[in-house]
N, C-alpha and C. Protein backbone atom coordinates (compact mmCIF):
# COMPACT_ATOMS: atom_id res chain seq x y z
N MET A 1 89.06 11.01 0.41
CA MET A 1 88.48 10.74 -0.89
C MET A 1 89.57 10.31 -1.85
N LYS A 2 89.24 9.35 -2.68
CA LYS A 2 90.15 8.86 -3.71
C LYS A 2 89.39 8.69 -5.02
N VAL A 3 90.02 9.10 -6.12
CA VAL A 3 89.46 8.93 -7.45
C VAL A 3 90.09 7.69 -8.06
N LEU A 4 89.26 6.79 -8.56
CA LEU A 4 89.75 5.53 -9.12
C LEU A 4 89.72 5.56 -10.63
N ASP A 5 90.80 5.13 -11.25
CA ASP A 5 90.81 5.08 -12.71
C ASP A 5 90.39 3.69 -13.19
N ALA A 6 90.27 3.54 -14.50
CA ALA A 6 89.79 2.28 -15.07
C ALA A 6 90.70 1.11 -14.75
N THR A 7 92.02 1.33 -14.71
CA THR A 7 92.92 0.20 -14.42
C THR A 7 92.63 -0.38 -13.04
N PHE A 8 92.37 0.50 -12.07
CA PHE A 8 92.05 0.02 -10.73
C PHE A 8 90.74 -0.76 -10.75
N LEU A 9 89.72 -0.20 -11.40
CA LEU A 9 88.42 -0.87 -11.43
C LEU A 9 88.48 -2.22 -12.12
N ILE A 10 89.18 -2.27 -13.25
CA ILE A 10 89.32 -3.53 -13.99
C ILE A 10 90.09 -4.56 -13.16
N ASP A 11 91.18 -4.12 -12.53
CA ASP A 11 91.94 -5.04 -11.67
C ASP A 11 91.09 -5.53 -10.50
N TYR A 12 90.29 -4.63 -9.92
CA TYR A 12 89.41 -5.01 -8.82
C TYR A 12 88.44 -6.10 -9.28
N LEU A 13 87.82 -5.87 -10.44
CA LEU A 13 86.87 -6.86 -10.97
C LEU A 13 87.55 -8.18 -11.32
N ASP A 14 88.83 -8.10 -11.72
CA ASP A 14 89.58 -9.31 -12.06
C ASP A 14 90.11 -10.04 -10.83
N GLY A 15 89.86 -9.49 -9.65
CA GLY A 15 90.28 -10.14 -8.42
C GLY A 15 91.73 -9.93 -8.06
N VAL A 16 92.36 -8.90 -8.59
CA VAL A 16 93.75 -8.60 -8.24
C VAL A 16 93.78 -8.22 -6.75
N GLU A 17 94.47 -9.02 -5.99
CA GLU A 17 94.47 -8.87 -4.53
C GLU A 17 94.95 -7.50 -4.08
N ALA A 18 95.90 -6.91 -4.79
CA ALA A 18 96.44 -5.60 -4.39
C ALA A 18 95.34 -4.53 -4.35
N THR A 19 94.34 -4.62 -5.22
CA THR A 19 93.28 -3.62 -5.20
C THR A 19 92.41 -3.77 -3.96
N LYS A 20 92.10 -4.99 -3.61
CA LYS A 20 91.28 -5.21 -2.42
C LYS A 20 92.06 -4.83 -1.16
N GLU A 21 93.35 -5.12 -1.15
CA GLU A 21 94.19 -4.72 -0.02
C GLU A 21 94.27 -3.20 0.09
N PHE A 22 94.40 -2.52 -1.05
CA PHE A 22 94.44 -1.06 -1.04
C PHE A 22 93.13 -0.50 -0.50
N TYR A 23 92.02 -1.04 -0.96
CA TYR A 23 90.70 -0.61 -0.50
C TYR A 23 90.59 -0.76 1.02
N GLU A 24 90.95 -1.92 1.53
CA GLU A 24 90.87 -2.17 2.97
C GLU A 24 91.82 -1.29 3.77
N ALA A 25 93.04 -1.12 3.27
CA ALA A 25 94.05 -0.34 3.99
C ALA A 25 93.77 1.16 3.98
N ASN A 26 92.88 1.60 3.11
CA ASN A 26 92.62 3.03 2.97
C ASN A 26 91.19 3.40 3.32
N GLY A 27 90.65 2.75 4.31
CA GLY A 27 89.37 3.16 4.86
C GLY A 27 88.17 2.36 4.46
N ALA A 28 88.30 1.50 3.46
CA ALA A 28 87.19 0.65 3.00
C ALA A 28 85.91 1.47 2.89
N GLU A 29 84.84 1.03 3.54
CA GLU A 29 83.56 1.72 3.41
C GLU A 29 83.52 3.08 4.10
N ASN A 30 84.52 3.41 4.90
CA ASN A 30 84.57 4.71 5.56
C ASN A 30 85.21 5.79 4.69
N GLU A 31 85.77 5.41 3.56
CA GLU A 31 86.41 6.35 2.63
C GLU A 31 85.42 6.67 1.51
N ARG A 32 85.57 7.84 0.91
CA ARG A 32 84.76 8.19 -0.27
C ARG A 32 85.55 7.78 -1.50
N TRP A 33 85.05 6.80 -2.24
CA TRP A 33 85.68 6.26 -3.44
C TRP A 33 84.93 6.78 -4.65
N VAL A 34 85.59 7.55 -5.48
CA VAL A 34 84.95 8.18 -6.62
C VAL A 34 85.36 7.46 -7.90
N MET A 35 84.37 7.09 -8.69
CA MET A 35 84.59 6.42 -9.97
C MET A 35 84.09 7.34 -11.08
N PRO A 36 85.00 8.03 -11.77
CA PRO A 36 84.54 8.86 -12.89
C PRO A 36 83.77 7.98 -13.88
N VAL A 37 82.64 8.47 -14.38
CA VAL A 37 81.80 7.67 -15.27
C VAL A 37 82.58 7.11 -16.46
N PRO A 38 83.50 7.85 -17.09
CA PRO A 38 84.24 7.22 -18.19
C PRO A 38 85.07 6.00 -17.75
N ALA A 39 85.66 6.04 -16.57
CA ALA A 39 86.42 4.89 -16.07
C ALA A 39 85.48 3.74 -15.73
N TYR A 40 84.36 4.08 -15.12
CA TYR A 40 83.34 3.08 -14.80
C TYR A 40 82.83 2.41 -16.07
N ALA A 41 82.58 3.22 -17.10
CA ALA A 41 82.12 2.68 -18.38
C ALA A 41 83.17 1.76 -19.00
N GLU A 42 84.44 2.15 -18.95
CA GLU A 42 85.48 1.29 -19.51
C GLU A 42 85.52 -0.06 -18.81
N ALA A 43 85.37 -0.05 -17.50
CA ALA A 43 85.37 -1.32 -16.76
C ALA A 43 84.16 -2.17 -17.14
N LEU A 44 82.99 -1.56 -17.26
CA LEU A 44 81.78 -2.32 -17.60
C LEU A 44 81.81 -2.81 -19.04
N VAL A 45 82.32 -1.98 -19.95
CA VAL A 45 82.42 -2.41 -21.34
C VAL A 45 83.39 -3.58 -21.45
N GLY A 46 84.50 -3.50 -20.73
CA GLY A 46 85.46 -4.60 -20.71
C GLY A 46 84.81 -5.88 -20.21
N GLU A 47 84.01 -5.76 -19.19
CA GLU A 47 83.29 -6.92 -18.66
C GLU A 47 82.31 -7.46 -19.70
N GLY A 48 81.60 -6.56 -20.36
CA GLY A 48 80.63 -6.97 -21.36
C GLY A 48 81.26 -7.64 -22.57
N ASN A 49 82.51 -7.31 -22.85
CA ASN A 49 83.22 -7.90 -23.98
C ASN A 49 83.80 -9.28 -23.68
N LEU A 50 83.82 -9.68 -22.43
CA LEU A 50 84.34 -10.99 -22.07
C LEU A 50 83.37 -12.09 -22.51
N PRO A 51 83.89 -13.26 -22.89
CA PRO A 51 82.99 -14.34 -23.32
C PRO A 51 81.94 -14.69 -22.27
N ASN A 52 82.32 -14.66 -21.02
CA ASN A 52 81.38 -14.97 -19.93
C ASN A 52 81.17 -13.75 -19.04
N GLY A 53 81.19 -12.57 -19.64
CA GLY A 53 81.07 -11.34 -18.87
C GLY A 53 79.73 -11.23 -18.16
N ASP A 54 79.76 -10.50 -17.06
CA ASP A 54 78.57 -10.32 -16.24
C ASP A 54 78.50 -8.85 -15.83
N VAL A 55 77.89 -8.03 -16.67
CA VAL A 55 77.84 -6.59 -16.40
C VAL A 55 77.05 -6.31 -15.12
N ALA A 56 75.94 -6.97 -14.92
CA ALA A 56 75.15 -6.77 -13.71
C ALA A 56 75.98 -7.14 -12.47
N GLY A 57 76.71 -8.24 -12.55
CA GLY A 57 77.57 -8.64 -11.44
C GLY A 57 78.69 -7.64 -11.19
N ALA A 58 79.27 -7.10 -12.28
CA ALA A 58 80.33 -6.10 -12.14
C ALA A 58 79.78 -4.84 -11.48
N ARG A 59 78.58 -4.43 -11.89
CA ARG A 59 77.96 -3.25 -11.26
C ARG A 59 77.77 -3.49 -9.76
N ALA A 60 77.32 -4.66 -9.41
CA ALA A 60 77.13 -4.99 -7.99
C ALA A 60 78.47 -4.99 -7.26
N ASP A 61 79.49 -5.54 -7.90
CA ASP A 61 80.82 -5.60 -7.27
C ASP A 61 81.43 -4.22 -7.06
N LEU A 62 81.01 -3.25 -7.86
CA LEU A 62 81.54 -1.88 -7.75
C LEU A 62 80.56 -0.93 -7.06
N SER A 63 79.53 -1.47 -6.44
CA SER A 63 78.48 -0.63 -5.84
C SER A 63 78.97 0.23 -4.69
N TRP A 64 80.12 -0.07 -4.14
CA TRP A 64 80.68 0.69 -3.02
C TRP A 64 81.24 2.04 -3.47
N GLY A 65 81.36 2.27 -4.77
CA GLY A 65 81.93 3.53 -5.25
C GLY A 65 80.88 4.51 -5.72
N GLU A 66 81.21 5.78 -5.59
CA GLU A 66 80.33 6.87 -6.03
C GLU A 66 80.67 7.21 -7.48
N LYS A 67 79.68 7.18 -8.35
CA LYS A 67 79.93 7.53 -9.75
C LYS A 67 79.94 9.04 -9.88
N TYR A 68 80.89 9.55 -10.67
CA TYR A 68 81.07 11.00 -10.82
C TYR A 68 80.91 11.35 -12.30
N GLU A 69 79.89 12.16 -12.60
CA GLU A 69 79.63 12.59 -13.97
C GLU A 69 80.68 13.59 -14.42
N VAL A 70 81.10 13.48 -15.64
CA VAL A 70 81.97 14.49 -16.23
C VAL A 70 81.10 15.41 -17.08
N ASP A 71 81.52 16.66 -17.19
CA ASP A 71 80.75 17.64 -17.93
C ASP A 71 81.69 18.55 -18.72
N GLU A 72 81.16 19.63 -19.22
CA GLU A 72 81.98 20.55 -20.02
C GLU A 72 83.16 21.10 -19.21
N ARG A 73 82.92 21.42 -17.96
CA ARG A 73 84.00 21.93 -17.10
C ARG A 73 85.11 20.90 -16.98
N THR A 74 84.73 19.64 -16.80
CA THR A 74 85.72 18.57 -16.70
C THR A 74 86.50 18.44 -18.00
N ALA A 75 85.81 18.58 -19.13
CA ALA A 75 86.48 18.50 -20.44
C ALA A 75 87.50 19.63 -20.60
N VAL A 76 87.13 20.83 -20.17
CA VAL A 76 88.06 21.96 -20.26
C VAL A 76 89.26 21.73 -19.35
N THR A 77 89.01 21.26 -18.14
CA THR A 77 90.11 20.95 -17.22
C THR A 77 91.01 19.88 -17.81
N ALA A 78 90.44 18.89 -18.46
CA ALA A 78 91.24 17.84 -19.12
C ALA A 78 92.13 18.45 -20.19
N GLY A 79 91.58 19.34 -21.00
CA GLY A 79 92.39 20.00 -22.02
C GLY A 79 93.51 20.82 -21.43
N GLU A 80 93.24 21.50 -20.32
CA GLU A 80 94.27 22.29 -19.65
C GLU A 80 95.39 21.40 -19.11
N ILE A 81 95.02 20.25 -18.57
CA ILE A 81 96.02 19.30 -18.07
C ILE A 81 96.89 18.82 -19.22
N ALA A 82 96.28 18.45 -20.34
CA ALA A 82 97.05 18.00 -21.50
C ALA A 82 98.00 19.09 -21.96
N ASP A 83 97.54 20.34 -21.93
CA ASP A 83 98.38 21.47 -22.33
C ASP A 83 99.55 21.64 -21.36
N GLU A 84 99.29 21.46 -20.08
CA GLU A 84 100.36 21.58 -19.07
C GLU A 84 101.42 20.50 -19.25
N VAL A 85 100.98 19.30 -19.59
CA VAL A 85 101.91 18.19 -19.78
C VAL A 85 102.82 18.48 -20.96
N GLY A 86 102.22 18.95 -22.04
CA GLY A 86 103.01 19.32 -23.21
C GLY A 86 103.50 18.11 -23.99
N PRO A 87 104.24 18.40 -25.06
CA PRO A 87 104.67 17.33 -25.97
C PRO A 87 105.73 16.40 -25.39
N GLY A 88 106.37 16.77 -24.28
CA GLY A 88 107.40 15.94 -23.68
C GLY A 88 106.85 14.76 -22.91
N GLY A 89 105.53 14.71 -22.79
CA GLY A 89 104.89 13.57 -22.15
C GLY A 89 104.82 13.70 -20.65
N PRO A 90 104.22 12.78 -19.98
CA PRO A 90 103.71 11.54 -20.56
C PRO A 90 102.47 11.81 -21.40
N TYR A 91 102.21 10.93 -22.36
CA TYR A 91 101.04 11.06 -23.21
C TYR A 91 99.81 10.59 -22.43
N LEU A 92 98.83 11.46 -22.34
CA LEU A 92 97.57 11.10 -21.70
C LEU A 92 96.48 11.10 -22.76
N ASP A 93 95.79 9.97 -22.92
CA ASP A 93 94.68 9.96 -23.88
C ASP A 93 93.48 10.66 -23.23
N GLY A 94 92.40 10.76 -23.98
CA GLY A 94 91.23 11.47 -23.49
C GLY A 94 90.69 10.93 -22.19
N LEU A 95 90.61 9.62 -22.07
CA LEU A 95 90.09 9.01 -20.86
C LEU A 95 90.99 9.29 -19.66
N ASP A 96 92.30 9.09 -19.84
CA ASP A 96 93.24 9.36 -18.75
C ASP A 96 93.15 10.82 -18.29
N THR A 97 93.04 11.72 -19.25
CA THR A 97 93.02 13.14 -18.92
C THR A 97 91.72 13.52 -18.23
N LEU A 98 90.61 12.91 -18.63
CA LEU A 98 89.35 13.17 -17.92
C LEU A 98 89.42 12.70 -16.48
N ILE A 99 90.02 11.55 -16.25
CA ILE A 99 90.15 11.04 -14.89
C ILE A 99 91.06 11.95 -14.06
N ALA A 100 92.15 12.40 -14.66
CA ALA A 100 93.03 13.35 -13.97
C ALA A 100 92.28 14.63 -13.66
N ALA A 101 91.42 15.07 -14.58
CA ALA A 101 90.63 16.29 -14.37
C ALA A 101 89.66 16.13 -13.20
N VAL A 102 89.06 14.95 -13.06
CA VAL A 102 88.19 14.70 -11.92
C VAL A 102 88.99 14.81 -10.62
N GLY A 103 90.19 14.23 -10.62
CA GLY A 103 91.05 14.36 -9.44
C GLY A 103 91.34 15.81 -9.11
N ARG A 104 91.62 16.60 -10.12
CA ARG A 104 91.90 18.02 -9.89
C ARG A 104 90.65 18.75 -9.40
N GLU A 105 89.51 18.49 -10.03
CA GLU A 105 88.26 19.15 -9.62
C GLU A 105 87.93 18.86 -8.16
N LEU A 106 88.16 17.64 -7.74
CA LEU A 106 87.82 17.24 -6.38
C LEU A 106 88.98 17.42 -5.40
N ASP A 107 90.13 17.86 -5.91
CA ASP A 107 91.35 17.99 -5.11
C ASP A 107 91.62 16.68 -4.36
N ALA A 108 91.59 15.60 -5.14
CA ALA A 108 91.76 14.26 -4.58
C ALA A 108 92.78 13.48 -5.40
N PRO A 109 93.52 12.59 -4.77
CA PRO A 109 94.48 11.77 -5.52
C PRO A 109 93.78 10.77 -6.43
N VAL A 110 94.42 10.48 -7.55
CA VAL A 110 93.92 9.48 -8.49
C VAL A 110 94.68 8.18 -8.23
N VAL A 111 93.95 7.10 -8.03
CA VAL A 111 94.54 5.79 -7.81
C VAL A 111 94.57 5.07 -9.14
N SER A 112 95.79 4.70 -9.57
CA SER A 112 95.95 4.12 -10.90
C SER A 112 97.16 3.23 -10.95
N ALA A 113 97.09 2.22 -11.82
CA ALA A 113 98.26 1.43 -12.14
C ALA A 113 98.83 1.87 -13.48
N ASP A 114 98.21 2.87 -14.10
CA ASP A 114 98.63 3.40 -15.39
C ASP A 114 99.86 4.28 -15.18
N GLY A 115 100.98 3.92 -15.81
CA GLY A 115 102.21 4.68 -15.65
C GLY A 115 102.10 6.13 -16.06
N ASP A 116 101.23 6.45 -17.03
CA ASP A 116 101.06 7.84 -17.43
C ASP A 116 100.43 8.67 -16.33
N LEU A 117 99.44 8.11 -15.65
CA LEU A 117 98.78 8.85 -14.57
C LEU A 117 99.60 8.86 -13.29
N THR A 118 100.54 7.98 -13.16
CA THR A 118 101.35 7.93 -11.94
C THR A 118 102.73 8.55 -12.17
N HIS A 119 102.85 9.34 -13.21
CA HIS A 119 104.12 10.02 -13.54
C HIS A 119 104.59 10.81 -12.33
N GLU A 120 105.88 10.86 -12.12
CA GLU A 120 106.45 11.47 -10.91
C GLU A 120 106.07 12.92 -10.74
N LEU A 121 105.69 13.63 -11.81
CA LEU A 121 105.31 15.02 -11.66
C LEU A 121 103.88 15.19 -11.17
N GLY A 122 103.13 14.11 -11.13
CA GLY A 122 101.80 14.13 -10.52
C GLY A 122 100.81 15.06 -11.21
N PHE A 123 100.49 14.82 -12.46
CA PHE A 123 99.61 15.71 -13.19
C PHE A 123 98.16 15.62 -12.77
N ALA A 124 97.81 14.68 -11.93
CA ALA A 124 96.41 14.51 -11.55
C ALA A 124 95.93 15.62 -10.61
N ARG A 125 96.82 16.39 -10.07
CA ARG A 125 96.38 17.44 -9.14
C ARG A 125 96.58 18.79 -9.73
């Protein structure tokens, strides 16, 4: 199982070859790909904001992933992660921290191109 953040989803929709290669190299349809709803929403909103955006097409293109609802427990876990990181950084905004919290809840790695989420100390777990 892998948790995908918004940067991965946006890059996938933009046709960044590395995302498709990663998907194929890591089990493709045989892997469980989790898309936290906030990350999924960011990708769809980004698509909707494009001059020629196609939200329905983006949804179809991401249909291989399982959407994961966040709830109060996820919000508390996100706050705990932010507290663990502390003021020395890296700075995680609300969305990044929710995605990291989903990774922790599911005990799964978070796939991201975001330098804050890929910090060497690995706060996603």
